């Protein structure tokens, strides 16, 4: 199973590292990882530990206020 957010399903992305000098601009492959944090959330009245991205974590804390 891929590392993904339990709420929104966000997963890592592929991209390139930019080269700053040289005539032949060779691009190196890299991966942009999701900032996942283990968080306890309520699902069906039970506390469950899941991996949640920080964007969803922030949204959940705003809804609680």
C-alpha atoms as a PDB file:
ATOM      1  CA  UNK A   1       0.000   0.000   0.000  1.00  0.00           C
ATOM      2  CA  UNK A   2       1.336   3.427  -0.931  1.00  0.00           C
ATOM      3  CA  UNK A   3       1.823   6.051   1.751  1.00  0.00           C
ATOM      4  CA  UNK A   4      -1.196   8.280   1.355  1.00  0.00           C
ATOM      5  CA  UNK A   5      -3.433  10.518   3.440  1.00  0.00           C
ATOM      6  CA  UNK A   6      -6.330   8.615   5.023  1.00  0.00           C
ATOM      7  CA  UNK A   7      -8.688  11.583   4.501  1.00  0.00           C
ATOM      8  CA  UNK A   8      -7.947  13.139   1.096  1.00  0.00           C
ATOM      9  CA  UNK A   9      -5.844  10.381  -0.497  1.00  0.00           C
ATOM     10  CA  UNK A  10      -2.905  12.661  -1.329  1.00  0.00           C
ATOM     11  CA  UNK A  11       0.188  10.713  -2.511  1.00  0.00           C
ATOM     12  CA  UNK A  12       3.763  11.596  -3.459  1.00  0.00           C
ATOM     13  CA  UNK A  13       4.562  13.226  -6.822  1.00  0.00           C
ATOM     14  CA  UNK A  14       7.452  12.808  -9.262  1.00  0.00           C
ATOM     15  CA  UNK A  15       9.459  15.738 -10.559  1.00  0.00           C
ATOM     16  CA  UNK A  16      12.897  16.963 -11.521  1.00  0.00           C
ATOM     17  CA  UNK A  17      15.765  18.717  -9.758  1.00  0.00           C
ATOM     18  CA  UNK A  18      16.673  21.855 -11.682  1.00  0.00           C
ATOM     19  CA  UNK A  19      20.308  22.223 -12.698  1.00  0.00           C
ATOM     20  CA  UNK A  20      21.656  25.713 -12.139  1.00  0.00           C
ATOM     21  CA  UNK A  21      24.675  25.704 -14.466  1.00  0.00           C
ATOM     22  CA  UNK A  22      25.964  24.142 -17.666  1.00  0.00           C
ATOM     23  CA  UNK A  23      24.958  23.987 -21.291  1.00  0.00           C
ATOM     24  CA  UNK A  24      23.320  20.566 -21.160  1.00  0.00           C
ATOM     25  CA  UNK A  25      20.593  20.973 -18.593  1.00  0.00           C
ATOM     26  CA  UNK A  26      20.350  17.378 -17.410  1.00  0.00           C
ATOM     27  CA  UNK A  27      17.382  16.925 -15.134  1.00  0.00           C
ATOM     28  CA  UNK A  28      17.686  14.536 -12.208  1.00  0.00           C
ATOM     29  CA  UNK A  29      14.549  12.695 -11.145  1.00  0.00           C
ATOM     30  CA  UNK A  30      13.269  13.289  -7.630  1.00  0.00           C
ATOM     31  CA  UNK A  31      10.172  12.598  -5.565  1.00  0.00           C
ATOM     32  CA  UNK A  32       8.067  15.156  -3.710  1.00  0.00           C
ATOM     33  CA  UNK A  33       6.833  13.313  -0.609  1.00  0.00           C
ATOM     34  CA  UNK A  34       3.631  14.078   1.255  1.00  0.00           C
ATOM     35  CA  UNK A  35       4.038  15.443   4.795  1.00  0.00           C
ATOM     36  CA  UNK A  36       2.184  12.670   6.637  1.00  0.00           C
ATOM     37  CA  UNK A  37       1.814  12.598  10.408  1.00  0.00           C
ATOM     38  CA  UNK A  38       0.347   9.813  12.518  1.00  0.00           C
ATOM     39  CA  UNK A  39      -2.820  11.217  14.080  1.00  0.00           C
ATOM     40  CA  UNK A  40      -5.660   9.817  16.144  1.00  0.00           C
ATOM     41  CA  UNK A  41      -9.028  10.545  14.539  1.00  0.00           C
ATOM     42  CA  UNK A  42     -12.604   9.507  15.370  1.00  0.00           C
ATOM     43  CA  UNK A  43     -14.206   7.064  12.918  1.00  0.00           C
ATOM     44  CA  UNK A  44     -17.610   5.555  13.735  1.00  0.00           C
ATOM     45  CA  UNK A  45     -17.206   6.490  17.392  1.00  0.00           C
ATOM     46  CA  UNK A  46     -13.811   4.776  17.719  1.00  0.00           C
ATOM     47  CA  UNK A  47     -10.355   6.312  18.025  1.00  0.00           C
ATOM     48  CA  UNK A  48      -8.151   5.179  15.131  1.00  0.00           C
ATOM     49  CA  UNK A  49      -4.478   5.993  14.478  1.00  0.00           C
ATOM     50  CA  UNK A  50      -4.012   6.904  10.815  1.00  0.00           C
ATOM     51  CA  UNK A  51      -1.581   8.782   8.575  1.00  0.00           C
ATOM     52  CA  UNK A  52      -2.987  12.230   7.774  1.00  0.00           C
ATOM     53  CA  UNK A  53      -1.384  14.996   5.713  1.00  0.00           C
ATOM     54  CA  UNK A  54      -0.712  18.266   7.499  1.00  0.00           C
ATOM     55  CA  UNK A  55      -3.242  20.129   5.337  1.00  0.00           C
ATOM     56  CA  UNK A  56      -6.060  17.856   6.512  1.00  0.00           C
ATOM     57  CA  UNK A  57      -4.757  18.041  10.084  1.00  0.00           C
ATOM     58  CA  UNK A  58      -4.961  21.838   9.910  1.00  0.00           C
ATOM     59  CA  UNK A  59      -8.487  21.704   8.483  1.00  0.00           C
ATOM     60  CA  UNK A  60      -9.625  19.338  11.253  1.00  0.00           C
ATOM     61  CA  UNK A  61      -8.229  21.636  13.956  1.00  0.00           C
ATOM     62  CA  UNK A  62     -10.041  24.635  12.430  1.00  0.00           C
ATOM     63  CA  UNK A  63     -13.355  22.758  12.356  1.00  0.00           C
ATOM     64  CA  UNK A  64     -12.961  21.879  16.031  1.00  0.00           C
ATOM     65  CA  UNK A  65     -12.908  25.555  17.047  1.00  0.00           C
END
